[in-house]
Amino acid sequence: MNQARADYETARLEGERVSKLFDSKSVAKGEYDNKRLGAEAAQMKFVASRAIMNRLQLEKEKKTIRAPFDGIVLERTVSRGEWVGVGTVVTEMGRDDEYDVECNVPARASSVIQEGLEVVVRVSDREIPGKVYAVIPKGDVSTRTFPIKIRVKSPGFLAEGMEARVALPSAPAGKTLIVPRDAVISSRGQMVVWAVVDGKAVPMPVRVTGFKDLEAGVTSEKLQEGMTVVVKGNERLRPGQPVAPKPQTPSKEQ
């Protein structure tokens, strides 16, 4: 390109001198046209060579492949000096600052879970906060489940293939009664909670909506908020049996 630019400058200056001589009628018109057109041809060669150089520089930049993110090289598919074609995979990388937890949920749960939902992921008895970032609308035909992806920040011990457990909502949020988990027992094929009404044991049929630690969420047509429930010995109670509630004794830690 520099050579073409020099040739163009030489032809342009020579054309300007010949143009002045032609104006003073010192040179023939043929020589003037020859110099003028030669300068234009040299200019076109310069422009073409500059375009070729720009294309080569762009190709050179494309031949340098930069990592799109910080991470670890998982696999290298080519070696130094090896010829590769356009679109050839050079390496596979994995991010180590963030991980995606993928789990499959039933269809009714996938309709409730939304992007941005904050959840807690348990890995190796450790809890990691995460956020749902993808609800994939393509289910497994055999299991009728849909994949959910949860993104978590790496605390330093995560690796691909580890088992993770996460609790996700299966229905829209709603109000429910919270009772001690030990208060819910199975009696004659249904779940009941024994309540103390006027000093007597009364079975209250309930429907368990979920468990969390030592508590259970229930719904019932009879059980009301504030009622006293039995948490010990309730499997031996009979309807109408007198019950004397025993107040809890505060522990030493309390």
C-alpha atoms as a PDB file:
ATOM      1  CA  MET A   1       0.000   0.000   0.000  1.00  0.00           C
ATOM      2  CA  ASN A   2       2.878   2.376   0.786  1.00  0.00           C
ATOM      3  CA  GLN A   3       4.398   1.665  -2.634  1.00  0.00           C
ATOM      4  CA  ALA A   4       1.065   2.392  -4.338  1.00  0.00           C
ATOM      5  CA  ARG A   5       0.723   5.615  -2.347  1.00  0.00           C
ATOM      6  CA  ALA A   6       4.217   6.730  -3.396  1.00  0.00           C
ATOM      7  CA  ASP A   7       3.453   5.952  -7.052  1.00  0.00           C
ATOM      8  CA  TYR A   8       0.234   7.950  -6.793  1.00  0.00           C
ATOM      9  CA  GLU A   9       1.970  10.970  -5.224  1.00  0.00           C
ATOM     10  CA  THR A  10       4.648  10.895  -7.959  1.00  0.00           C
ATOM     11  CA  ALA A  11       2.032  10.693 -10.731  1.00  0.00           C
ATOM     12  CA  ARG A  12      -0.077  13.427  -9.131  1.00  0.00           C
ATOM     13  CA  LEU A  13       2.832  15.885  -8.833  1.00  0.00           C
ATOM     14  CA  GLU A  14       3.958  15.145 -12.358  1.00  0.00           C
ATOM     15  CA  GLY A  15       0.417  15.614 -13.616  1.00  0.00           C
ATOM     16  CA  GLU A  16       0.206  19.020 -11.893  1.00  0.00           C
ATOM     17  CA  ARG A  17       3.445  20.168 -13.566  1.00  0.00           C
ATOM     18  CA  VAL A  18       2.285  18.966 -16.964  1.00  0.00           C
ATOM     19  CA  SER A  19      -1.056  20.683 -16.404  1.00  0.00           C
ATOM     20  CA  LYS A  20       0.692  24.025 -15.889  1.00  0.00           C
ATOM     21  CA  LEU A  21       2.813  23.452 -19.006  1.00  0.00           C
ATOM     22  CA  PHE A  22      -0.302  22.509 -20.947  1.00  0.00           C
ATOM     23  CA  ASP A  23      -1.991  25.754 -19.840  1.00  0.00           C
ATOM     24  CA  SER A  24       0.978  27.668 -21.224  1.00  0.00           C
ATOM     25  CA  LYS A  25       0.821  25.537 -24.383  1.00  0.00           C
ATOM     26  CA  SER A  26       4.302  24.141 -23.776  1.00  0.00           C
ATOM     27  CA  VAL A  27       3.282  20.453 -24.104  1.00  0.00           C
ATOM     28  CA  ALA A  28       0.983  18.600 -26.454  1.00  0.00           C
ATOM     29  CA  LYS A  29      -2.536  17.580 -25.383  1.00  0.00           C
ATOM     30  CA  GLY A  30      -1.660  13.903 -25.799  1.00  0.00           C
ATOM     31  CA  GLU A  31       1.140  14.082 -23.261  1.00  0.00           C
ATOM     32  CA  TYR A  32      -1.111  16.056 -20.879  1.00  0.00           C
ATOM     33  CA  ASP A  33      -3.896  13.424 -21.110  1.00  0.00           C
ATOM     34  CA  ASN A  34      -1.385  10.644 -20.606  1.00  0.00           C
ATOM     35  CA  LYS A  35      -0.050  12.179 -17.373  1.00  0.00           C
ATOM     36  CA  ARG A  36      -3.528  13.113 -16.084  1.00  0.00           C
ATOM     37  CA  LEU A  37      -4.997   9.676 -16.651  1.00  0.00           C
ATOM     38  CA  GLY A  38      -1.847   8.038 -15.273  1.00  0.00           C
ATOM     39  CA  ALA A  39      -2.343   9.945 -12.015  1.00  0.00           C
ATOM     40  CA  GLU A  40      -5.969   8.794 -11.801  1.00  0.00           C
ATOM     41  CA  ALA A  41      -4.918   5.169 -12.445  1.00  0.00           C
ATOM     42  CA  ALA A  42      -2.263   5.423  -9.702  1.00  0.00           C
ATOM     43  CA  GLN A  43      -4.908   6.803  -7.323  1.00  0.00           C
ATOM     44  CA  MET A  44      -7.214   3.843  -8.015  1.00  0.00           C
ATOM     45  CA  LYS A  45      -4.344   1.405  -7.382  1.00  0.00           C
ATOM     46  CA  PHE A  46      -3.655   3.132  -4.074  1.00  0.00           C
ATOM     47  CA  VAL A  47      -7.315   2.924  -3.016  1.00  0.00           C
ATOM     48  CA  ALA A  48      -7.476  -0.758  -4.001  1.00  0.00           C
ATOM     49  CA  SER A  49      -4.295  -1.635  -2.132  1.00  0.00           C
ATOM     50  CA  ARG A  50      -5.574   0.157   0.983  1.00  0.00           C
ATOM     51  CA  ALA A  51      -8.805  -1.875   0.823  1.00  0.00           C
ATOM     52  CA  ILE A  52      -6.792  -5.091   0.496  1.00  0.00           C
ATOM     53  CA  MET A  53      -4.677  -4.149   3.519  1.00  0.00           C
ATOM     54  CA  ASN A  54      -7.789  -3.402   5.609  1.00  0.00           C
ATOM     55  CA  ARG A  55      -9.234  -6.791   4.668  1.00  0.00           C
ATOM     56  CA  LEU A  56      -6.024  -8.577   5.625  1.00  0.00           C
ATOM     57  CA  GLN A  57      -5.886  -6.770   8.962  1.00  0.00           C
ATOM     58  CA  LEU A  58      -9.496  -7.770   9.659  1.00  0.00           C
ATOM     59  CA  GLU A  59      -8.704 -11.401   8.826  1.00  0.00           C
ATOM     60  CA  LYS A  60      -5.697 -11.246  11.131  1.00  0.00           C
ATOM     61  CA  GLU A  61      -7.861  -9.974  13.983  1.00  0.00           C
ATOM     62  CA  LYS A  62     -10.376 -12.762  13.378  1.00  0.00           C
ATOM     63  CA  LYS A  63      -7.602 -15.335  13.573  1.00  0.00           C
ATOM     64  CA  THR A  64      -7.004 -14.294  17.185  1.00  0.00           C
ATOM     65  CA  ILE A  65      -9.668 -16.016  19.284  1.00  0.00           C
ATOM     66  CA  ARG A  66     -10.268 -14.407  22.671  1.00  0.00           C
ATOM     67  CA  ALA A  67     -12.051 -16.062  25.580  1.00  0.00           C
ATOM     68  CA  PRO A  68     -15.523 -14.536  26.088  1.00  0.00           C
ATOM     69  CA  PHE A  69     -15.217 -14.927  29.866  1.00  0.00           C
ATOM     70  CA  ASP A  70     -12.795 -15.926  32.623  1.00  0.00           C
ATOM     71  CA  GLY A  71     -12.753 -19.656  33.183  1.00  0.00           C
ATOM     72  CA  ILE A  72     -10.968 -22.973  32.798  1.00  0.00           C
ATOM     73  CA  VAL A  73     -10.041 -24.763  29.568  1.00  0.00           C
ATOM     74  CA  LEU A  74     -11.890 -28.073  29.667  1.00  0.00           C
ATOM     75  CA  GLU A  75     -10.682 -29.458  26.342  1.00  0.00           C
ATOM     76  CA  ARG A  76      -8.286 -28.311  23.607  1.00  0.00           C
ATOM     77  CA  THR A  77      -9.139 -29.735  20.191  1.00  0.00           C
ATOM     78  CA  VAL A  78      -6.242 -28.302  18.103  1.00  0.00           C
ATOM     79  CA  SER A  79      -2.503 -27.986  18.621  1.00  0.00           C
ATOM     80  CA  ARG A  80      -0.126 -25.095  17.979  1.00  0.00           C
ATOM     81  CA  GLY A  81       0.686 -24.715  14.283  1.00  0.00           C
ATOM     82  CA  GLU A  82      -2.233 -26.857  13.136  1.00  0.00           C
ATOM     83  CA  TRP A  83      -4.321 -25.633  10.191  1.00  0.00           C
ATOM     84  CA  VAL A  84      -8.006 -25.163  10.962  1.00  0.00           C
ATOM     85  CA  GLY A  85     -10.994 -24.147   8.886  1.00  0.00           C
ATOM     86  CA  VAL A  86     -13.607 -21.489   9.510  1.00  0.00           C
ATOM     87  CA  GLY A  87     -15.954 -22.540  12.308  1.00  0.00           C
ATOM     88  CA  THR A  88     -13.625 -25.189  13.748  1.00  0.00           C
ATOM     89  CA  VAL A  89     -13.897 -25.649  17.527  1.00  0.00           C
ATOM     90  CA  VAL A  90     -10.548 -24.666  19.028  1.00  0.00           C
ATOM     91  CA  THR A  91     -11.253 -25.236  22.715  1.00  0.00           C
ATOM     92  CA  GLU A  92     -14.045 -25.783  25.209  1.00  0.00           C
ATOM     93  CA  MET A  93     -14.174 -23.556  28.271  1.00  0.00           C
ATOM     94  CA  GLY A  94     -16.156 -23.536  31.469  1.00  0.00           C
ATOM     95  CA  ARG A  95     -16.899 -20.654  33.805  1.00  0.00           C
ATOM     96  CA  ASP A  96     -15.833 -21.181  37.392  1.00  0.00           C
ATOM     97  CA  ASP A  97     -17.359 -18.070  38.963  1.00  0.00           C
ATOM     98  CA  GLU A  98     -20.977 -19.030  38.258  1.00  0.00           C
ATOM     99  CA  TYR A  99     -22.714 -22.386  37.882  1.00  0.00           C
ATOM    100  CA  ASP A 100     -26.090 -23.446  36.538  1.00  0.00           C
ATOM    101  CA  VAL A 101     -28.150 -25.883  38.571  1.00  0.00           C
ATOM    102  CA  GLU A 102     -30.618 -27.765  36.376  1.00  0.00           C
ATOM    103  CA  CYS A 103     -33.576 -29.628  37.810  1.00  0.00           C
ATOM    104  CA  ASN A 104     -36.733 -31.142  36.338  1.00  0.00           C
ATOM    105  CA  VAL A 105     -40.104 -30.212  37.800  1.00  0.00           C
ATOM    106  CA  PRO A 106     -43.693 -31.318  37.093  1.00  0.00           C
ATOM    107  CA  ALA A 107     -45.799 -29.302  34.670  1.00  0.00           C
ATOM    108  CA  ARG A 108     -47.932 -27.757  37.421  1.00  0.00           C
ATOM    109  CA  ALA A 109     -44.801 -26.454  39.150  1.00  0.00           C
ATOM    110  CA  SER A 110     -43.254 -25.103  35.948  1.00  0.00           C
ATOM    111  CA  SER A 111     -46.296 -22.877  35.444  1.00  0.00           C
ATOM    112  CA  VAL A 112     -45.756 -21.329  38.902  1.00  0.00           C
ATOM    113  CA  ILE A 113     -41.979 -20.861  38.831  1.00  0.00           C
ATOM    114  CA  GLN A 114     -40.960 -17.586  37.216  1.00  0.00           C
ATOM    115  CA  GLU A 115     -37.633 -16.133  36.134  1.00  0.00           C
ATOM    116  CA  GLY A 116     -35.997 -14.156  38.914  1.00  0.00           C
ATOM    117  CA  LEU A 117     -37.380 -16.353  41.701  1.00  0.00           C
ATOM    118  CA  GLU A 118     -34.842 -16.502  44.537  1.00  0.00           C
ATOM    119  CA  VAL A 119     -34.268 -19.982  45.959  1.00  0.00           C
ATOM    120  CA  VAL A 120     -31.825 -21.811  48.213  1.00  0.00           C
ATOM    121  CA  VAL A 121     -29.708 -24.615  46.738  1.00  0.00           C
ATOM    122  CA  ARG A 122     -28.233 -27.248  49.048  1.00  0.00           C
ATOM    123  CA  VAL A 123     -24.958 -28.854  47.967  1.00  0.00           C
ATOM    124  CA  SER A 124     -22.910 -31.081  50.289  1.00  0.00           C
ATOM    125  CA  ASP A 125     -24.878 -29.928  53.346  1.00  0.00           C
ATOM    126  CA  ARG A 126     -24.185 -26.309  52.497  1.00  0.00           C
ATOM    127  CA  GLU A 127     -26.777 -23.758  51.412  1.00  0.00           C
ATOM    128  CA  ILE A 128     -26.107 -21.461  48.454  1.00  0.00           C
ATOM    129  CA  PRO A 129     -28.469 -18.653  47.366  1.00  0.00           C
ATOM    130  CA  GLY A 130     -29.543 -18.822  43.753  1.00  0.00           C
ATOM    131  CA  LYS A 131     -31.961 -17.314  41.291  1.00  0.00           C
ATOM    132  CA  VAL A 132     -34.090 -18.927  38.587  1.00  0.00           C
ATOM    133  CA  TYR A 133     -32.972 -17.527  35.253  1.00  0.00           C
ATOM    134  CA  ALA A 134     -34.562 -19.917  32.745  1.00  0.00           C
ATOM    135  CA  VAL A 135     -37.795 -21.910  32.590  1.00  0.00           C
ATOM    136  CA  ILE A 136     -37.403 -24.035  29.482  1.00  0.00           C
ATOM    137  CA  PRO A 137     -40.753 -24.699  27.750  1.00  0.00           C
ATOM    138  CA  LYS A 138     -39.708 -28.117  26.418  1.00  0.00           C
ATOM    139  CA  GLY A 139     -40.536 -31.097  28.576  1.00  0.00           C
ATOM    140  CA  ASP A 140     -39.470 -34.710  28.684  1.00  0.00           C
ATOM    141  CA  VAL A 141     -42.146 -36.816  27.002  1.00  0.00           C
ATOM    142  CA  SER A 142     -41.407 -39.898  29.141  1.00  0.00           C
ATOM    143  CA  THR A 143     -41.450 -38.166  32.546  1.00  0.00           C
ATOM    144  CA  ARG A 144     -43.666 -35.140  31.733  1.00  0.00           C
ATOM    145  CA  THR A 145     -41.233 -32.864  33.527  1.00  0.00           C
ATOM    146  CA  PHE A 146     -39.738 -29.534  32.495  1.00  0.00           C
ATOM    147  CA  PRO A 147     -36.157 -28.327  33.086  1.00  0.00           C
ATOM    148  CA  ILE A 148     -35.536 -25.325  35.309  1.00  0.00           C
ATOM    149  CA  LYS A 149     -32.145 -23.600  35.415  1.00  0.00           C
ATOM    150  CA  ILE A 150     -30.928 -21.841  38.540  1.00  0.00           C
ATOM    151  CA  ARG A 151     -27.768 -19.716  38.513  1.00  0.00           C
ATOM    152  CA  VAL A 152     -25.588 -19.577  41.632  1.00  0.00           C
ATOM    153  CA  LYS A 153     -22.313 -17.863  42.485  1.00  0.00           C
ATOM    154  CA  SER A 154     -19.504 -20.304  43.088  1.00  0.00           C
ATOM    155  CA  PRO A 155     -18.412 -20.460  46.747  1.00  0.00           C
ATOM    156  CA  GLY A 156     -15.230 -22.234  45.659  1.00  0.00           C
ATOM    157  CA  PHE A 157     -16.080 -25.921  46.006  1.00  0.00           C
ATOM    158  CA  LEU A 158     -18.592 -26.504  43.190  1.00  0.00           C
ATOM    159  CA  ALA A 159     -17.824 -28.708  40.206  1.00  0.00           C
ATOM    160  CA  GLU A 160     -19.786 -29.922  37.205  1.00  0.00           C
ATOM    161  CA  GLY A 161     -21.720 -33.115  37.927  1.00  0.00           C
ATOM    162  CA  MET A 162     -22.268 -32.547  41.655  1.00  0.00           C
ATOM    163  CA  GLU A 163     -25.665 -33.289  43.170  1.00  0.00           C
ATOM    164  CA  ALA A 164     -27.744 -30.300  44.235  1.00  0.00           C
ATOM    165  CA  ARG A 165     -31.087 -30.149  46.009  1.00  0.00           C
ATOM    166  CA  VAL A 166     -33.502 -27.253  45.802  1.00  0.00           C
ATOM    167  CA  ALA A 167     -37.004 -26.625  47.138  1.00  0.00           C
ATOM    168  CA  LEU A 168     -39.321 -25.007  44.573  1.00  0.00           C
ATOM    169  CA  PRO A 169     -42.946 -23.902  44.908  1.00  0.00           C
ATOM    170  CA  SER A 170     -45.543 -26.220  43.401  1.00  0.00           C
ATOM    171  CA  ALA A 171     -48.479 -23.810  43.672  1.00  0.00           C
ATOM    172  CA  PRO A 172     -49.097 -20.080  44.005  1.00  0.00           C
ATOM    173  CA  ALA A 173     -48.382 -18.583  47.412  1.00  0.00           C
ATOM    174  CA  GLY A 174     -51.269 -18.621  49.875  1.00  0.00           C
ATOM    175  CA  LYS A 175     -52.068 -18.542  53.578  1.00  0.00           C
ATOM    176  CA  THR A 176     -51.872 -21.731  55.632  1.00  0.00           C
ATOM    177  CA  LEU A 177     -51.843 -22.791  59.263  1.00  0.00           C
ATOM    178  CA  ILE A 178     -48.466 -23.680  60.741  1.00  0.00           C
ATOM    179  CA  VAL A 179     -48.396 -26.445  63.357  1.00  0.00           C
ATOM    180  CA  PRO A 180     -45.575 -28.478  64.911  1.00  0.00           C
ATOM    181  CA  ARG A 181     -44.647 -31.375  62.706  1.00  0.00           C
ATOM    182  CA  ASP A 182     -45.198 -33.858  65.538  1.00  0.00           C
ATOM    183  CA  ALA A 183     -48.822 -32.697  65.828  1.00  0.00           C
ATOM    184  CA  VAL A 184     -49.723 -34.241  62.446  1.00  0.00           C
ATOM    185  CA  ILE A 185     -50.422 -37.962  62.548  1.00  0.00           C
ATOM    186  CA  SER A 186     -52.245 -40.495  60.399  1.00  0.00           C
ATOM    187  CA  SER A 187     -55.439 -41.884  61.884  1.00  0.00           C
ATOM    188  CA  ARG A 188     -57.847 -44.235  60.104  1.00  0.00           C
ATOM    189  CA  GLY A 189     -56.519 -43.351  56.691  1.00  0.00           C
ATOM    190  CA  GLN A 190     -56.489 -39.578  57.062  1.00  0.00           C
ATOM    191  CA  MET A 191     -54.212 -36.927  58.472  1.00  0.00           C
ATOM    192  CA  VAL A 192     -55.408 -35.365  61.720  1.00  0.00           C
ATOM    193  CA  VAL A 193     -54.276 -32.916  64.331  1.00  0.00           C
ATOM    194  CA  TRP A 194     -55.542 -33.429  67.878  1.00  0.00           C
ATOM    195  CA  ALA A 195     -56.685 -30.139  69.368  1.00  0.00           C
ATOM    196  CA  VAL A 196     -57.689 -29.403  72.972  1.00  0.00           C
ATOM    197  CA  VAL A 197     -61.165 -27.896  73.169  1.00  0.00           C
ATOM    198  CA  ASP A 198     -62.674 -27.289  76.618  1.00  0.00           C
ATOM    199  CA  GLY A 199     -60.114 -29.630  78.141  1.00  0.00           C
ATOM    200  CA  LYS A 200     -60.941 -32.541  75.819  1.00  0.00           C
ATOM    201  CA  ALA A 201     -59.159 -34.027  72.834  1.00  0.00           C
ATOM    202  CA  VAL A 202     -60.856 -33.382  69.488  1.00  0.00           C
ATOM    203  CA  PRO A 203     -59.491 -34.775  66.187  1.00  0.00           C
ATOM    204  CA  MET A 204     -59.244 -32.174  63.431  1.00  0.00           C
ATOM    205  CA  PRO A 205     -58.917 -33.577  59.891  1.00  0.00           C
ATOM    206  CA  VAL A 206     -56.260 -31.631  57.973  1.00  0.00           C
ATOM    207  CA  ARG A 207     -54.612 -31.601  54.595  1.00  0.00           C
ATOM    208  CA  VAL A 208     -50.853 -31.188  54.690  1.00  0.00           C
ATOM    209  CA  THR A 209     -49.594 -28.589  52.232  1.00  0.00           C
ATOM    210  CA  GLY A 210     -45.908 -28.932  53.043  1.00  0.00           C
ATOM    211  CA  PHE A 211     -43.166 -29.418  55.605  1.00  0.00           C
ATOM    212  CA  LYS A 212     -40.282 -27.203  56.619  1.00  0.00           C
ATOM    213  CA  ASP A 213     -37.855 -28.252  59.333  1.00  0.00           C
ATOM    214  CA  LEU A 214     -39.966 -29.026  62.446  1.00  0.00           C
ATOM    215  CA  GLU A 215     -43.119 -27.338  61.188  1.00  0.00           C
ATOM    216  CA  ALA A 216     -45.940 -28.386  58.888  1.00  0.00           C
ATOM    217  CA  GLY A 217     -48.345 -26.346  56.826  1.00  0.00           C
ATOM    218  CA  VAL A 218     -51.954 -27.575  56.943  1.00  0.00           C
ATOM    219  CA  THR A 219     -55.425 -26.551  55.853  1.00  0.00           C
ATOM    220  CA  SER A 220     -58.536 -27.564  57.769  1.00  0.00           C
ATOM    221  CA  GLU A 221     -62.192 -26.652  58.006  1.00  0.00           C
ATOM    222  CA  LYS A 222     -62.216 -27.084  61.815  1.00  0.00           C
ATOM    223  CA  LEU A 223     -58.743 -26.275  63.070  1.00  0.00           C
ATOM    224  CA  GLN A 224     -58.444 -22.585  63.841  1.00  0.00           C
ATOM    225  CA  GLU A 225     -55.559 -20.277  64.554  1.00  0.00           C
ATOM    226  CA  GLY A 226     -54.662 -20.103  68.252  1.00  0.00           C
ATOM    227  CA  MET A 227     -55.953 -23.572  69.183  1.00  0.00           C
ATOM    228  CA  THR A 228     -53.855 -25.764  71.464  1.00  0.00           C
ATOM    229  CA  VAL A 229     -52.644 -28.929  69.722  1.00  0.00           C
ATOM    230  CA  VAL A 230     -51.131 -32.128  71.085  1.00  0.00           C
ATOM    231  CA  VAL A 231     -47.573 -32.936  69.999  1.00  0.00           C
ATOM    232  CA  LYS A 232     -46.776 -35.904  72.268  1.00  0.00           C
ATOM    233  CA  GLY A 233     -48.878 -38.961  72.972  1.00  0.00           C
ATOM    234  CA  ASN A 234     -51.429 -37.952  70.342  1.00  0.00           C
ATOM    235  CA  GLU A 235     -51.336 -41.400  68.728  1.00  0.00           C
ATOM    236  CA  ARG A 236     -53.037 -42.838  71.880  1.00  0.00           C
ATOM    237  CA  LEU A 237     -55.812 -40.275  72.240  1.00  0.00           C
ATOM    238  CA  ARG A 238     -59.528 -40.959  71.836  1.00  0.00           C
ATOM    239  CA  PRO A 239     -62.182 -38.382  70.931  1.00  0.00           C
ATOM    240  CA  GLY A 240     -63.460 -36.622  74.057  1.00  0.00           C
ATOM    241  CA  GLN A 241     -60.629 -37.844  76.260  1.00  0.00           C
ATOM    242  CA  PRO A 242     -59.747 -35.295  78.965  1.00  0.00           C
ATOM    243  CA  VAL A 243     -56.432 -33.568  78.307  1.00  0.00           C
ATOM    244  CA  ALA A 244     -54.476 -31.319  80.618  1.00  0.00           C
ATOM    245  CA  PRO A 245     -52.086 -29.170  78.590  1.00  0.00           C
ATOM    246  CA  LYS A 246     -48.586 -29.053  80.031  1.00  0.00           C
ATOM    247  CA  PRO A 247     -46.737 -25.774  79.495  1.00  0.00           C
ATOM    248  CA  GLN A 248     -43.339 -26.028  77.868  1.00  0.00           C
ATOM    249  CA  THR A 249     -40.354 -25.739  80.157  1.00  0.00           C
ATOM    250  CA  PRO A 250     -37.817 -23.235  78.821  1.00  0.00           C
ATOM    251  CA  SER A 251     -34.486 -24.858  78.029  1.00  0.00           C
ATOM    252  CA  LYS A 252     -31.235 -23.693  79.569  1.00  0.00           C
ATOM    253  CA  GLU A 253     -30.171 -22.171  76.256  1.00  0.00           C
ATOM    254  CA  GLN A 254     -33.364 -20.084  76.179  1.00  0.00           C
END
